[in-house]
């Protein structure tokens, strides 16, 4: 399970011993997957990304949360100011149910702000 905050994420996970652990990261990543611990449990390797960043394979020091990029999947020369960042939304539906989704607000680069 992942808990997200702006630039600070706490990843809740199971340690190799079976106990629950938490790793605090102070990075821009918003999406995490494929997490695996090193045999000694001192670091974890996972795929991380965000709406304005391609996924990367990163190494995380479990105690400090320090990250190192092992490999980036892709790169782009597109200015990230062009990317819309999703906003989490919740709204009421029928029968007092809730619906959850993402809204991608239009993103206009300052170069085109006169439009």
N, C-alpha and C. Protein backbone atom coordinates (compact mmCIF):
# COMPACT_ATOMS: atom_id res chain seq x y z
N UNK A 1 0.85 -1.16 0.00
CA UNK A 1 0.00 0.00 0.00
C UNK A 1 0.90 1.23 0.00
N UNK A 2 0.53 2.24 -0.77
CA UNK A 2 1.30 3.47 -0.84
C UNK A 2 0.46 4.62 -0.33
N UNK A 3 1.07 5.51 0.44
CA UNK A 3 0.43 6.72 0.90
C UNK A 3 1.15 7.86 0.21
N UNK A 4 0.41 8.77 -0.41
CA UNK A 4 1.06 9.82 -1.19
C UNK A 4 0.86 11.18 -0.56
N UNK A 5 1.91 11.96 -0.52
CA UNK A 5 1.90 13.36 -0.12
C UNK A 5 2.79 14.08 -1.11
N UNK A 6 2.63 15.37 -1.25
CA UNK A 6 3.43 16.10 -2.21
C UNK A 6 4.91 16.02 -1.85
N UNK A 7 5.68 15.38 -2.67
CA UNK A 7 7.12 15.21 -2.53
C UNK A 7 7.55 14.39 -1.32
N UNK A 8 6.65 13.86 -0.55
CA UNK A 8 7.03 12.97 0.54
C UNK A 8 6.07 11.79 0.50
N UNK A 9 6.61 10.61 0.31
CA UNK A 9 5.79 9.42 0.26
C UNK A 9 6.26 8.45 1.33
N UNK A 10 5.33 7.76 1.90
CA UNK A 10 5.65 6.67 2.82
C UNK A 10 5.17 5.40 2.16
N UNK A 11 6.09 4.50 1.89
CA UNK A 11 5.75 3.23 1.28
C UNK A 11 5.62 2.21 2.42
N UNK A 12 4.44 1.64 2.55
CA UNK A 12 4.24 0.57 3.52
C UNK A 12 4.45 -0.74 2.80
N UNK A 13 5.22 -1.63 3.40
CA UNK A 13 5.56 -2.87 2.72
C UNK A 13 5.87 -3.95 3.74
N UNK A 14 6.00 -5.16 3.26
CA UNK A 14 6.41 -6.28 4.11
C UNK A 14 7.90 -6.49 3.95
N UNK A 15 8.58 -6.59 5.07
CA UNK A 15 10.01 -6.88 5.04
C UNK A 15 10.21 -8.37 4.76
N UNK A 16 11.42 -8.76 4.35
CA UNK A 16 11.66 -10.20 4.11
C UNK A 16 11.34 -11.06 5.32
N UNK A 17 11.42 -10.49 6.52
CA UNK A 17 11.12 -11.25 7.74
C UNK A 17 9.62 -11.45 7.94
N UNK A 18 8.80 -10.73 7.16
CA UNK A 18 7.35 -10.84 7.28
C UNK A 18 6.72 -9.73 8.09
N UNK A 19 7.54 -8.91 8.77
CA UNK A 19 6.98 -7.79 9.54
C UNK A 19 6.72 -6.61 8.61
N UNK A 20 5.77 -5.74 9.03
CA UNK A 20 5.45 -4.57 8.23
C UNK A 20 6.52 -3.51 8.41
N UNK A 21 6.87 -2.87 7.33
CA UNK A 21 7.85 -1.80 7.38
C UNK A 21 7.36 -0.58 6.62
N UNK A 22 7.99 0.54 6.88
CA UNK A 22 7.69 1.78 6.17
C UNK A 22 8.98 2.43 5.74
N UNK A 23 8.98 2.95 4.52
CA UNK A 23 10.14 3.67 4.00
C UNK A 23 9.65 5.05 3.60
N UNK A 24 10.26 6.10 4.15
CA UNK A 24 9.89 7.47 3.80
C UNK A 24 10.82 7.98 2.72
N UNK A 25 10.22 8.49 1.66
CA UNK A 25 10.97 9.02 0.53
C UNK A 25 10.69 10.51 0.38
N UNK A 26 11.70 11.29 0.09
CA UNK A 26 11.53 12.72 -0.16
C UNK A 26 11.88 12.97 -1.62
N UNK A 27 11.02 12.48 -2.49
CA UNK A 27 11.27 12.55 -3.93
C UNK A 27 9.98 12.85 -4.67
N UNK A 28 10.09 13.12 -5.95
CA UNK A 28 8.93 13.46 -6.77
C UNK A 28 8.14 12.26 -7.27
N UNK A 29 8.58 11.05 -7.01
CA UNK A 29 7.87 9.88 -7.53
C UNK A 29 6.49 9.77 -6.90
N UNK A 30 5.52 9.36 -7.71
CA UNK A 30 4.15 9.20 -7.22
C UNK A 30 3.63 7.77 -7.36
N UNK A 31 4.24 6.98 -8.23
CA UNK A 31 3.78 5.62 -8.50
C UNK A 31 4.93 4.66 -8.26
N UNK A 32 4.65 3.60 -7.53
CA UNK A 32 5.68 2.61 -7.19
C UNK A 32 5.17 1.22 -7.52
N UNK A 33 6.07 0.36 -8.02
CA UNK A 33 5.68 -1.02 -8.30
C UNK A 33 6.90 -1.92 -8.28
N UNK A 34 6.65 -3.22 -8.30
CA UNK A 34 7.68 -4.25 -8.41
C UNK A 34 8.80 -4.11 -7.38
N UNK A 35 8.43 -3.89 -6.14
CA UNK A 35 9.43 -3.70 -5.08
C UNK A 35 10.00 -5.03 -4.61
N UNK A 36 11.32 -5.08 -4.49
CA UNK A 36 12.02 -6.26 -3.99
C UNK A 36 13.15 -5.81 -3.06
N UNK A 37 13.28 -6.49 -1.94
CA UNK A 37 14.36 -6.19 -1.00
C UNK A 37 15.64 -6.90 -1.43
N UNK A 38 16.77 -6.30 -1.05
CA UNK A 38 18.06 -6.98 -1.23
C UNK A 38 18.11 -8.14 -0.23
N UNK A 39 18.97 -9.13 -0.46
CA UNK A 39 19.04 -10.27 0.46
C UNK A 39 19.32 -9.87 1.90
N UNK A 40 20.08 -8.80 2.13
CA UNK A 40 20.38 -8.38 3.51
C UNK A 40 19.31 -7.44 4.07
N UNK A 41 18.33 -7.05 3.27
CA UNK A 41 17.23 -6.19 3.74
C UNK A 41 17.59 -4.74 3.95
N UNK A 42 18.81 -4.33 3.58
CA UNK A 42 19.23 -2.94 3.81
C UNK A 42 18.75 -1.99 2.72
N UNK A 43 18.41 -2.51 1.56
CA UNK A 43 17.91 -1.65 0.49
C UNK A 43 16.82 -2.39 -0.27
N UNK A 44 16.06 -1.60 -0.99
CA UNK A 44 14.98 -2.15 -1.82
C UNK A 44 15.15 -1.61 -3.23
N UNK A 45 14.70 -2.38 -4.18
CA UNK A 45 14.74 -1.97 -5.58
C UNK A 45 13.31 -1.94 -6.08
N UNK A 46 12.95 -0.88 -6.78
CA UNK A 46 11.59 -0.77 -7.27
C UNK A 46 11.53 0.12 -8.48
N UNK A 47 10.41 0.05 -9.17
CA UNK A 47 10.14 0.90 -10.32
C UNK A 47 9.31 2.07 -9.80
N UNK A 48 9.73 3.29 -10.13
CA UNK A 48 9.04 4.49 -9.65
C UNK A 48 8.86 5.46 -10.81
N UNK A 49 7.82 6.25 -10.74
CA UNK A 49 7.55 7.25 -11.76
C UNK A 49 6.57 8.27 -11.25
N UNK A 50 6.14 9.16 -12.12
CA UNK A 50 5.16 10.18 -11.78
C UNK A 50 4.50 10.66 -13.07
N UNK A 51 3.46 11.49 -12.97
CA UNK A 51 2.79 11.96 -14.19
C UNK A 51 3.72 12.73 -15.13
N UNK A 52 4.75 13.36 -14.61
CA UNK A 52 5.64 14.15 -15.47
C UNK A 52 7.03 13.55 -15.59
N UNK A 53 7.15 12.24 -15.30
CA UNK A 53 8.46 11.59 -15.34
C UNK A 53 8.27 10.12 -15.75
N UNK A 54 9.05 9.67 -16.73
CA UNK A 54 9.01 8.26 -17.11
C UNK A 54 9.48 7.41 -15.93
N UNK A 55 9.08 6.15 -15.94
CA UNK A 55 9.47 5.27 -14.85
C UNK A 55 10.97 5.00 -14.85
N UNK A 56 11.48 4.73 -13.66
CA UNK A 56 12.90 4.45 -13.46
C UNK A 56 13.03 3.30 -12.48
N UNK A 57 14.09 2.54 -12.64
CA UNK A 57 14.44 1.54 -11.65
C UNK A 57 15.31 2.25 -10.62
N UNK A 58 14.87 2.23 -9.35
CA UNK A 58 15.62 2.94 -8.32
C UNK A 58 16.00 2.00 -7.18
N UNK A 59 17.05 2.38 -6.50
CA UNK A 59 17.50 1.69 -5.29
C UNK A 59 17.17 2.62 -4.13
N UNK A 60 16.58 2.08 -3.08
CA UNK A 60 16.20 2.87 -1.90
C UNK A 60 16.91 2.29 -0.69
N UNK A 61 17.64 3.13 0.03
CA UNK A 61 18.23 2.73 1.30
C UNK A 61 17.09 2.71 2.32
N UNK A 62 16.84 1.56 2.92
CA UNK A 62 15.66 1.39 3.78
C UNK A 62 15.70 2.34 4.98
N UNK A 63 16.81 2.49 5.65
CA UNK A 63 16.86 3.32 6.87
C UNK A 63 16.74 4.81 6.56
N UNK A 64 17.43 5.28 5.53
CA UNK A 64 17.46 6.72 5.26
C UNK A 64 16.44 7.17 4.23
N UNK A 65 15.98 6.26 3.37
CA UNK A 65 15.08 6.64 2.29
C UNK A 65 15.81 7.26 1.10
N UNK A 66 17.14 7.30 1.16
CA UNK A 66 17.92 7.87 0.06
C UNK A 66 17.73 7.01 -1.19
N UNK A 67 17.59 7.67 -2.33
CA UNK A 67 17.36 6.94 -3.58
C UNK A 67 18.51 7.15 -4.56
N UNK A 68 18.72 6.13 -5.37
CA UNK A 68 19.69 6.18 -6.45
C UNK A 68 19.02 5.63 -7.69
N UNK A 69 19.12 6.34 -8.81
CA UNK A 69 18.55 5.84 -10.05
C UNK A 69 19.50 4.81 -10.64
N UNK A 70 18.98 3.62 -10.86
CA UNK A 70 19.77 2.55 -11.48
C UNK A 70 19.67 2.67 -13.00
N UNK A 71 18.44 2.84 -13.50
CA UNK A 71 18.25 2.97 -14.93
C UNK A 71 16.92 3.67 -15.21
N UNK A 72 16.94 4.61 -16.15
CA UNK A 72 15.72 5.27 -16.61
C UNK A 72 15.20 4.53 -17.83
N UNK A 73 13.88 4.38 -17.94
CA UNK A 73 13.33 3.64 -19.07
C UNK A 73 13.36 4.46 -20.35
N UNK A 74 13.07 5.74 -20.25
CA UNK A 74 13.05 6.62 -21.41
C UNK A 74 13.43 8.01 -20.97
N UNK A 75 13.65 8.85 -21.95
CA UNK A 75 13.85 10.27 -21.65
C UNK A 75 13.14 11.07 -22.72
N UNK A 76 12.93 12.33 -22.44
CA UNK A 76 12.26 13.20 -23.41
C UNK A 76 12.82 14.60 -23.31
N UNK A 77 12.73 15.29 -24.40
CA UNK A 77 13.15 16.70 -24.42
C UNK A 77 11.96 17.62 -24.23
N UNK A 78 10.78 17.06 -23.97
CA UNK A 78 9.58 17.87 -23.78
C UNK A 78 9.62 18.50 -22.40
N UNK A 79 9.38 19.79 -22.34
CA UNK A 79 9.33 20.51 -21.07
C UNK A 79 8.17 19.98 -20.24
N UNK A 80 8.42 19.59 -19.00
CA UNK A 80 7.36 19.01 -18.16
C UNK A 80 6.27 20.04 -17.82
N UNK A 81 6.50 21.30 -18.10
CA UNK A 81 5.45 22.31 -17.88
C UNK A 81 4.26 22.07 -18.81
N UNK A 82 4.45 21.27 -19.86
CA UNK A 82 3.35 20.94 -20.76
C UNK A 82 2.48 19.80 -20.22
N UNK A 83 2.93 19.07 -19.23
CA UNK A 83 2.22 17.90 -18.74
C UNK A 83 1.15 18.29 -17.73
N UNK A 84 -0.03 17.71 -17.87
CA UNK A 84 -1.08 17.89 -16.87
C UNK A 84 -0.83 16.91 -15.74
N UNK A 85 -0.96 17.39 -14.52
CA UNK A 85 -0.79 16.54 -13.35
C UNK A 85 -2.18 16.18 -12.83
N UNK A 86 -2.49 14.90 -12.67
CA UNK A 86 -3.83 14.51 -12.24
C UNK A 86 -4.12 14.94 -10.81
N UNK A 87 -5.37 15.30 -10.58
CA UNK A 87 -5.87 15.64 -9.25
C UNK A 87 -6.86 14.56 -8.84
N UNK A 88 -6.69 14.02 -7.63
CA UNK A 88 -7.64 13.02 -7.13
C UNK A 88 -8.96 13.70 -6.82
N UNK A 89 -10.06 13.05 -7.22
CA UNK A 89 -11.39 13.60 -6.99
C UNK A 89 -12.31 12.51 -6.47
N UNK A 90 -13.27 12.91 -5.69
CA UNK A 90 -14.32 12.02 -5.20
C UNK A 90 -15.64 12.77 -5.35
N UNK A 91 -16.68 12.08 -5.86
CA UNK A 91 -17.97 12.72 -5.99
C UNK A 91 -19.06 11.70 -5.67
N UNK A 92 -20.23 12.25 -5.32
CA UNK A 92 -21.38 11.42 -4.96
C UNK A 92 -22.03 10.84 -6.21
N UNK A 93 -22.52 9.61 -6.07
CA UNK A 93 -23.27 8.96 -7.14
C UNK A 93 -24.62 8.57 -6.57
N UNK A 94 -25.32 7.72 -7.27
CA UNK A 94 -26.63 7.28 -6.79
C UNK A 94 -26.48 6.37 -5.58
N UNK A 95 -27.55 6.22 -4.83
CA UNK A 95 -27.59 5.34 -3.66
C UNK A 95 -26.51 5.67 -2.63
N UNK A 96 -26.18 6.92 -2.48
CA UNK A 96 -25.19 7.39 -1.50
C UNK A 96 -23.81 6.73 -1.67
N UNK A 97 -23.49 6.32 -2.88
CA UNK A 97 -22.17 5.76 -3.15
C UNK A 97 -21.20 6.89 -3.49
N UNK A 98 -19.93 6.56 -3.46
CA UNK A 98 -18.87 7.51 -3.83
C UNK A 98 -18.16 6.98 -5.06
N UNK A 99 -17.75 7.87 -5.90
CA UNK A 99 -16.96 7.52 -7.07
C UNK A 99 -15.62 8.24 -6.95
N UNK A 100 -14.55 7.56 -7.30
CA UNK A 100 -13.21 8.13 -7.21
C UNK A 100 -12.59 8.14 -8.60
N UNK A 101 -11.88 9.20 -8.90
CA UNK A 101 -11.24 9.29 -10.21
C UNK A 101 -10.17 10.36 -10.22
N UNK A 102 -9.64 10.59 -11.40
CA UNK A 102 -8.60 11.60 -11.58
C UNK A 102 -9.07 12.63 -12.60
N UNK A 103 -8.78 13.87 -12.34
CA UNK A 103 -9.06 14.97 -13.26
C UNK A 103 -7.72 15.52 -13.72
N UNK A 104 -7.56 15.60 -15.01
CA UNK A 104 -6.33 16.16 -15.59
C UNK A 104 -6.64 17.57 -16.09
N UNK A 105 -6.39 18.59 -15.26
CA UNK A 105 -6.71 19.95 -15.70
C UNK A 105 -5.83 20.35 -16.88
N UNK A 106 -6.36 21.17 -17.77
CA UNK A 106 -5.55 21.62 -18.91
C UNK A 106 -4.29 22.33 -18.41
N UNK A 107 -3.22 22.10 -19.07
CA UNK A 107 -1.94 22.70 -18.71
C UNK A 107 -1.48 23.56 -19.88
N UNK A 108 -1.34 24.85 -19.66
CA UNK A 108 -0.88 25.76 -20.71
C UNK A 108 0.49 26.27 -20.32
N UNK A 109 1.45 26.03 -21.18
CA UNK A 109 2.83 26.50 -20.95
C UNK A 109 2.82 28.02 -21.00
N UNK A 110 3.63 28.66 -20.17
CA UNK A 110 3.68 30.13 -20.10
C UNK A 110 3.98 30.76 -21.45
N UNK A 111 4.64 30.02 -22.33
CA UNK A 111 4.96 30.52 -23.67
C UNK A 111 3.67 30.80 -24.45
N UNK A 112 2.58 30.07 -24.12
CA UNK A 112 1.33 30.22 -24.81
C UNK A 112 0.23 30.80 -23.94
N UNK A 113 0.57 31.48 -22.89
CA UNK A 113 -0.42 31.99 -21.94
C UNK A 113 -1.31 33.07 -22.53
N UNK A 114 -0.93 33.66 -23.64
CA UNK A 114 -1.72 34.72 -24.25
C UNK A 114 -2.93 34.17 -24.99
N UNK A 115 -3.00 32.85 -25.20
CA UNK A 115 -4.12 32.25 -25.95
C UNK A 115 -5.40 32.25 -25.17
